[in-house]
């Protein structure tokens, strides 16, 4: 009996690790959905339509250290050769950065658009340093990119961050991006290079379905139809998710009440600040799982009613 218990305890972190990349794909879809749903302060859709690749890192840890000590994991997806859709996601890790990358003492969501063929090629190498192997600039926000600066128009990569509810362009000089072969192996069953994933029409994992649907939707030219992307169901199953916009926008008061309720029920989401950050979404997912609700990390009607 003791041996079985020890074995079960030893397997628990391994099982959690197996589902982590798929769950992070859902988190990336939620982050992208929330940012693009805010029409006046989102990423201009014409830039997304013109981009070669996108990188999404949900929940970058900055920890308010004076120098460096930033770390996060996310995903890289590139346009298909005929630009009719997006590739399967490759996994990336982001580390370090200069003083301009000191975003604050909290979890931060990052999005990068690769705007040049040169930038895309460099990004698909095993290691890529922003500002050294490719120029990077803080991206503009709004409905269109008409207000781009000269630096933004010439940059290989445009980048944005969202922290404590504030979404804005941010410079990432000195940050390093690496492919994560272990996470790729978890998603695809073998250690694939990111270049192979995005260049050889590998079927995306089922967990990427929502993110691909959102990318197709928001990168389609006006009047164009967003393509559908077939997905594979071979990777470890993760909780289903539909990152849909609420029928009525959530107020900060609504979110604050939910945070207070989650904290009271033992789901630690930190300070009840009325902001839907990654810690709050994680708490909501845990509550939804315990209540046998659809686990999507969103404060939908069913979840709010149970809280």
Protein backbone atom coordinates (compact mmCIF):
# COMPACT_ATOMS: atom_id res chain seq x y z
CA UNK A 1 0.00 0.00 0.00
CA UNK A 2 2.81 2.40 0.91
CA UNK A 3 4.61 1.63 -2.37
CA UNK A 4 1.46 2.39 -4.36
CA UNK A 5 1.01 5.69 -2.52
CA UNK A 6 4.61 6.72 -3.17
CA UNK A 7 4.25 5.83 -6.84
CA UNK A 8 1.04 7.85 -7.12
CA UNK A 9 2.67 10.87 -5.51
CA UNK A 10 5.63 10.59 -7.84
CA UNK A 11 3.39 10.45 -10.92
CA UNK A 12 1.25 13.45 -9.95
CA UNK A 13 3.70 16.19 -11.07
CA UNK A 14 4.43 14.27 -14.27
CA UNK A 15 0.73 14.09 -15.14
CA UNK A 16 0.34 17.81 -14.43
CA UNK A 17 3.32 18.55 -16.66
CA UNK A 18 1.79 16.48 -19.48
CA UNK A 19 -1.33 18.66 -19.61
CA UNK A 20 0.42 21.98 -18.95
CA UNK A 21 1.30 22.85 -22.59
CA UNK A 22 -2.26 22.14 -23.74
CA UNK A 23 -3.74 24.20 -20.90
CA UNK A 24 -1.34 27.04 -21.74
CA UNK A 25 -2.70 27.00 -25.31
CA UNK A 26 -6.14 27.66 -23.87
CA UNK A 27 -4.73 30.47 -21.74
CA UNK A 28 -3.12 31.99 -24.85
CA UNK A 29 -6.47 31.84 -26.66
CA UNK A 30 -8.21 33.57 -23.72
CA UNK A 31 -5.57 36.33 -23.60
CA UNK A 32 -5.76 36.94 -27.36
CA UNK A 33 -9.57 36.92 -27.31
CA UNK A 34 -9.80 39.43 -24.45
CA UNK A 35 -7.28 41.80 -26.05
CA UNK A 36 -8.84 41.72 -29.52
CA UNK A 37 -12.38 42.14 -28.15
CA UNK A 38 -11.48 45.64 -26.92
CA UNK A 39 -11.74 47.44 -30.25
CA UNK A 40 -10.26 50.82 -29.27
CA UNK A 41 -7.15 49.46 -27.55
CA UNK A 42 -6.43 46.20 -29.35
CA UNK A 43 -3.82 45.14 -31.90
CA UNK A 44 -4.68 46.72 -35.28
CA UNK A 45 -6.17 43.99 -37.44
CA UNK A 46 -4.42 45.20 -40.58
CA UNK A 47 -1.08 44.56 -38.85
CA UNK A 48 -2.20 41.07 -37.88
CA UNK A 49 -3.30 40.46 -41.49
CA UNK A 50 0.14 41.57 -42.78
CA UNK A 51 2.20 39.69 -40.19
CA UNK A 52 4.30 36.60 -40.92
CA UNK A 53 4.14 35.08 -37.42
CA UNK A 54 2.65 35.73 -33.99
CA UNK A 55 4.04 34.93 -30.54
CA UNK A 56 1.73 34.82 -27.50
CA UNK A 57 3.14 34.43 -23.97
CA UNK A 58 0.38 34.35 -21.33
CA UNK A 59 1.45 35.12 -17.78
CA UNK A 60 5.10 36.17 -18.15
CA UNK A 61 6.58 36.30 -14.65
CA UNK A 62 8.43 39.56 -13.96
CA UNK A 63 8.67 39.41 -10.15
CA UNK A 64 9.88 43.03 -9.86
CA UNK A 65 13.56 42.14 -9.80
CA UNK A 66 15.93 44.98 -10.66
CA UNK A 67 17.83 43.06 -13.32
CA UNK A 68 16.41 40.36 -15.57
CA UNK A 69 14.85 37.35 -13.82
CA UNK A 70 11.88 37.25 -16.16
CA UNK A 71 10.59 33.97 -17.51
CA UNK A 72 7.60 32.75 -19.43
CA UNK A 73 6.36 30.15 -21.89
CA UNK A 74 4.18 30.62 -24.90
CA UNK A 75 3.55 29.80 -28.54
CA UNK A 76 4.75 30.72 -32.01
CA UNK A 77 2.45 30.38 -35.02
CA UNK A 78 3.22 31.46 -38.61
CA UNK A 79 1.13 32.08 -41.70
CA UNK A 80 0.75 29.24 -44.20
CA UNK A 81 2.63 29.67 -47.49
CA UNK A 82 -0.51 30.77 -49.32
CA UNK A 83 -1.48 32.95 -46.31
CA UNK A 84 -4.86 31.21 -46.13
CA UNK A 85 -4.46 30.26 -42.47
CA UNK A 86 -2.01 29.62 -39.64
CA UNK A 87 0.43 26.85 -38.79
CA UNK A 88 0.36 24.52 -35.83
CA UNK A 89 1.87 26.15 -32.72
CA UNK A 90 5.51 25.71 -31.76
CA UNK A 91 6.41 26.28 -28.11
CA UNK A 92 8.79 29.02 -26.95
CA UNK A 93 10.42 30.23 -23.75
CA UNK A 94 11.23 33.90 -23.17
CA UNK A 95 13.94 34.96 -20.73
CA UNK A 96 15.78 38.07 -19.61
CA UNK A 97 15.63 41.53 -21.17
CA UNK A 98 16.97 45.03 -20.63
CA UNK A 99 15.73 47.80 -18.33
CA UNK A 100 13.05 48.64 -20.92
CA UNK A 101 11.61 45.21 -20.29
CA UNK A 102 10.97 45.84 -16.57
CA UNK A 103 7.19 45.80 -16.78
CA UNK A 104 6.48 45.49 -13.08
CA UNK A 105 5.99 43.14 -10.18
CA UNK A 106 3.18 41.05 -11.61
CA UNK A 107 2.22 38.54 -14.25
CA UNK A 108 2.19 40.06 -17.74
CA UNK A 109 0.72 38.84 -21.02
CA UNK A 110 2.88 39.41 -24.12
CA UNK A 111 2.01 39.38 -27.80
CA UNK A 112 4.50 39.85 -30.65
CA UNK A 113 3.87 40.16 -34.39
CA UNK A 114 6.71 39.28 -36.76
CA UNK A 115 6.38 41.68 -39.69
CA UNK A 116 9.23 40.60 -41.99
CA UNK A 117 10.48 37.44 -43.69
CA UNK A 118 13.87 38.06 -42.11
CA UNK A 119 12.38 38.28 -38.63
CA UNK A 120 10.38 35.10 -39.16
CA UNK A 121 13.46 33.17 -40.32
CA UNK A 122 15.51 34.34 -37.33
CA UNK A 123 12.68 33.57 -34.91
CA UNK A 124 12.57 29.97 -36.13
CA UNK A 125 16.16 29.37 -35.05
CA UNK A 126 16.82 27.55 -31.75
CA UNK A 127 17.66 30.85 -30.00
CA UNK A 128 16.73 34.41 -30.93
CA UNK A 129 17.64 37.66 -29.14
CA UNK A 130 15.25 40.56 -29.68
CA UNK A 131 16.94 43.77 -30.76
CA UNK A 132 20.12 41.92 -31.74
CA UNK A 133 19.06 39.44 -34.42
CA UNK A 134 15.95 41.38 -35.33
CA UNK A 135 14.75 44.94 -34.70
CA UNK A 136 11.85 45.29 -32.26
CA UNK A 137 9.52 48.19 -31.47
CA UNK A 138 6.51 48.81 -29.25
CA UNK A 139 3.40 48.21 -31.33
CA UNK A 140 0.58 50.71 -31.87
CA UNK A 141 -2.91 50.09 -30.49
CA UNK A 142 -6.31 50.85 -31.95
CA UNK A 143 -8.57 49.91 -34.83
CA UNK A 144 -5.98 50.49 -37.57
CA UNK A 145 -2.22 51.01 -37.90
CA UNK A 146 -2.47 54.43 -39.56
CA UNK A 147 -0.64 56.10 -36.66
CA UNK A 148 2.50 53.95 -36.91
CA UNK A 149 5.80 55.69 -36.30
CA UNK A 150 8.76 55.30 -38.66
CA UNK A 151 10.43 52.93 -36.18
CA UNK A 152 7.31 50.77 -36.04
CA UNK A 153 7.05 50.58 -39.84
CA UNK A 154 10.68 49.45 -40.16
CA UNK A 155 10.77 46.99 -37.23
CA UNK A 156 11.01 43.24 -37.81
CA UNK A 157 8.89 42.64 -34.71
CA UNK A 158 6.17 44.65 -32.97
CA UNK A 159 5.32 43.84 -29.36
CA UNK A 160 2.57 44.54 -26.84
CA UNK A 161 2.00 43.76 -23.17
CA UNK A 162 -0.97 43.64 -20.82
CA UNK A 163 -0.38 44.03 -17.11
CA UNK A 164 -2.88 44.94 -14.37
CA UNK A 165 -5.51 45.52 -17.05
CA UNK A 166 -3.39 48.01 -19.05
CA UNK A 167 -2.63 47.06 -22.67
CA UNK A 168 0.09 48.95 -24.54
CA UNK A 169 3.07 48.56 -26.83
CA UNK A 170 6.31 47.59 -25.11
CA UNK A 171 9.94 47.31 -26.23
CA UNK A 172 11.57 43.95 -25.51
CA UNK A 173 15.21 44.77 -26.22
CA UNK A 174 17.55 41.99 -25.09
CA UNK A 175 14.89 39.37 -24.32
CA UNK A 176 15.78 35.89 -25.57
CA UNK A 177 13.35 33.48 -27.21
CA UNK A 178 14.15 29.76 -27.34
CA UNK A 179 12.15 26.84 -28.69
CA UNK A 180 11.03 24.34 -26.04
CA UNK A 181 11.59 20.85 -27.41
CA UNK A 182 10.19 19.16 -24.30
CA UNK A 183 6.86 20.99 -24.57
CA UNK A 184 6.78 20.26 -28.31
CA UNK A 185 7.26 16.58 -27.49
CA UNK A 186 4.33 16.73 -25.05
CA UNK A 187 2.05 18.28 -27.68
CA UNK A 188 3.16 16.24 -30.70
CA UNK A 189 4.54 13.01 -29.27
CA UNK A 190 8.13 13.67 -30.36
CA UNK A 191 10.73 16.42 -30.09
CA UNK A 192 10.06 18.60 -33.11
CA UNK A 193 11.91 21.79 -34.03
CA UNK A 194 9.68 24.86 -34.35
CA UNK A 195 10.79 25.29 -37.96
CA UNK A 196 9.52 21.81 -38.81
CA UNK A 197 6.20 22.43 -37.05
CA UNK A 198 5.37 25.68 -38.86
CA UNK A 199 6.85 24.83 -42.28
CA UNK A 200 5.71 21.26 -42.96
CA UNK A 201 1.93 21.37 -42.48
CA UNK A 202 1.96 19.33 -39.28
CA UNK A 203 -1.58 18.94 -37.91
CA UNK A 204 -2.11 21.17 -34.85
CA UNK A 205 -3.14 19.63 -31.53
CA UNK A 206 -6.82 19.76 -30.58
CA UNK A 207 -6.05 22.23 -27.78
CA UNK A 208 -4.99 24.79 -30.44
CA UNK A 209 -8.42 24.84 -32.10
CA UNK A 210 -9.70 27.96 -30.30
CA UNK A 211 -6.49 29.95 -30.80
CA UNK A 212 -6.35 29.09 -34.51
CA UNK A 213 -10.01 30.04 -34.92
CA UNK A 214 -9.36 33.43 -33.31
CA UNK A 215 -6.25 34.09 -35.42
CA UNK A 216 -8.15 33.23 -38.60
CA UNK A 217 -11.02 35.47 -37.55
CA UNK A 218 -8.97 38.55 -36.71
CA UNK A 219 -6.36 38.24 -39.48
CA UNK A 220 -8.93 37.92 -42.27
CA UNK A 221 -9.13 40.95 -44.56
CA UNK A 222 -12.35 42.95 -44.40
CA UNK A 223 -15.00 41.05 -46.32
CA UNK A 224 -12.89 37.90 -46.37
CA UNK A 225 -13.87 34.59 -44.85
CA UNK A 226 -11.77 33.08 -42.06
CA UNK A 227 -10.54 29.59 -43.02
CA UNK A 228 -10.97 26.54 -40.83
CA UNK A 229 -7.97 24.49 -39.71
CA UNK A 230 -8.07 20.70 -39.17
CA UNK A 231 -6.64 19.62 -35.83
CA UNK A 232 -5.14 16.48 -34.41
CA UNK A 233 -6.46 14.85 -31.23
CA UNK A 234 -3.30 12.90 -30.38
CA UNK A 235 -1.98 15.14 -27.61
CA UNK A 236 -2.98 14.79 -23.90
CA UNK A 237 -6.52 16.02 -23.40
CA UNK A 238 -7.05 19.34 -21.68
CA UNK A 239 -10.10 21.10 -20.38
CA UNK A 240 -12.38 22.38 -23.18
CA UNK A 241 -12.53 26.09 -23.71
CA UNK A 242 -14.55 28.56 -25.73
CA UNK A 243 -13.06 32.04 -25.29
CA UNK A 244 -16.19 33.93 -26.24
CA UNK A 245 -16.97 37.49 -25.42
CA UNK A 246 -19.59 38.05 -22.74
CA UNK A 247 -23.01 39.12 -24.02
CA UNK A 248 -22.73 42.02 -21.58
CA UNK A 249 -19.28 43.45 -20.75
CA UNK A 250 -18.11 42.64 -17.24
CA UNK A 251 -17.60 45.64 -15.01
CA UNK A 252 -14.71 45.87 -12.55
CA UNK A 253 -17.32 45.58 -9.81
CA UNK A 254 -18.52 42.24 -11.22
CA UNK A 255 -14.97 40.90 -11.38
CA UNK A 256 -14.16 42.23 -7.90
CA UNK A 257 -17.19 40.44 -6.40
CA UNK A 258 -16.13 37.21 -8.11
CA UNK A 259 -12.57 37.60 -6.79
CA UNK A 260 -13.85 38.17 -3.25
CA UNK A 261 -16.05 35.08 -3.53
CA UNK A 262 -13.20 32.95 -4.89
CA UNK A 263 -10.90 34.05 -2.08
CA UNK A 264 -13.61 33.30 0.50
CA UNK A 265 -14.03 29.81 -0.94
CA UNK A 266 -10.30 29.11 -0.71
CA UNK A 267 -9.32 29.79 -4.33
CA UNK A 268 -6.54 32.31 -3.78
CA UNK A 269 -6.66 34.90 -6.57
CA UNK A 270 -4.81 37.62 -4.67
CA UNK A 271 -6.10 41.16 -4.24
CA UNK A 272 -9.69 41.75 -5.36
CA UNK A 273 -8.76 44.54 -7.79
CA UNK A 274 -11.51 44.03 -10.38
CA UNK A 275 -9.02 43.04 -13.11
CA UNK A 276 -9.24 39.77 -15.02
CA UNK A 277 -5.59 38.73 -14.82
CA UNK A 278 -4.01 35.32 -15.24
CA UNK A 279 -4.21 34.59 -11.48
CA UNK A 280 -7.93 35.28 -11.45
CA UNK A 281 -8.49 33.11 -14.53
CA UNK A 282 -6.52 30.28 -12.88
CA UNK A 283 -8.72 30.52 -9.79
CA UNK A 284 -11.86 30.48 -11.93
CA UNK A 285 -10.65 27.36 -13.74
CA UNK A 286 -10.05 25.56 -10.43
CA UNK A 287 -13.51 26.56 -9.19
CA UNK A 288 -15.13 25.44 -12.45
CA UNK A 289 -13.38 22.06 -12.26
CA UNK A 290 -14.53 21.56 -8.66
CA UNK A 291 -18.10 22.49 -9.63
CA UNK A 292 -18.03 20.26 -12.73
CA UNK A 293 -18.63 23.26 -14.98
CA UNK A 294 -17.01 23.79 -18.40
CA UNK A 295 -13.44 24.77 -17.55
CA UNK A 296 -12.63 27.86 -19.61
CA UNK A 297 -11.28 30.43 -17.12
CA UNK A 298 -14.06 32.87 -18.02
CA UNK A 299 -16.56 34.49 -15.70
CA UNK A 300 -19.56 33.26 -17.68
CA UNK A 301 -23.18 33.16 -16.50
CA UNK A 302 -23.04 29.62 -15.09
CA UNK A 303 -19.83 30.30 -13.16
CA UNK A 304 -21.12 33.62 -11.78
CA UNK A 305 -24.34 31.92 -10.65
CA UNK A 306 -22.39 29.29 -8.66
CA UNK A 307 -20.17 31.92 -7.05
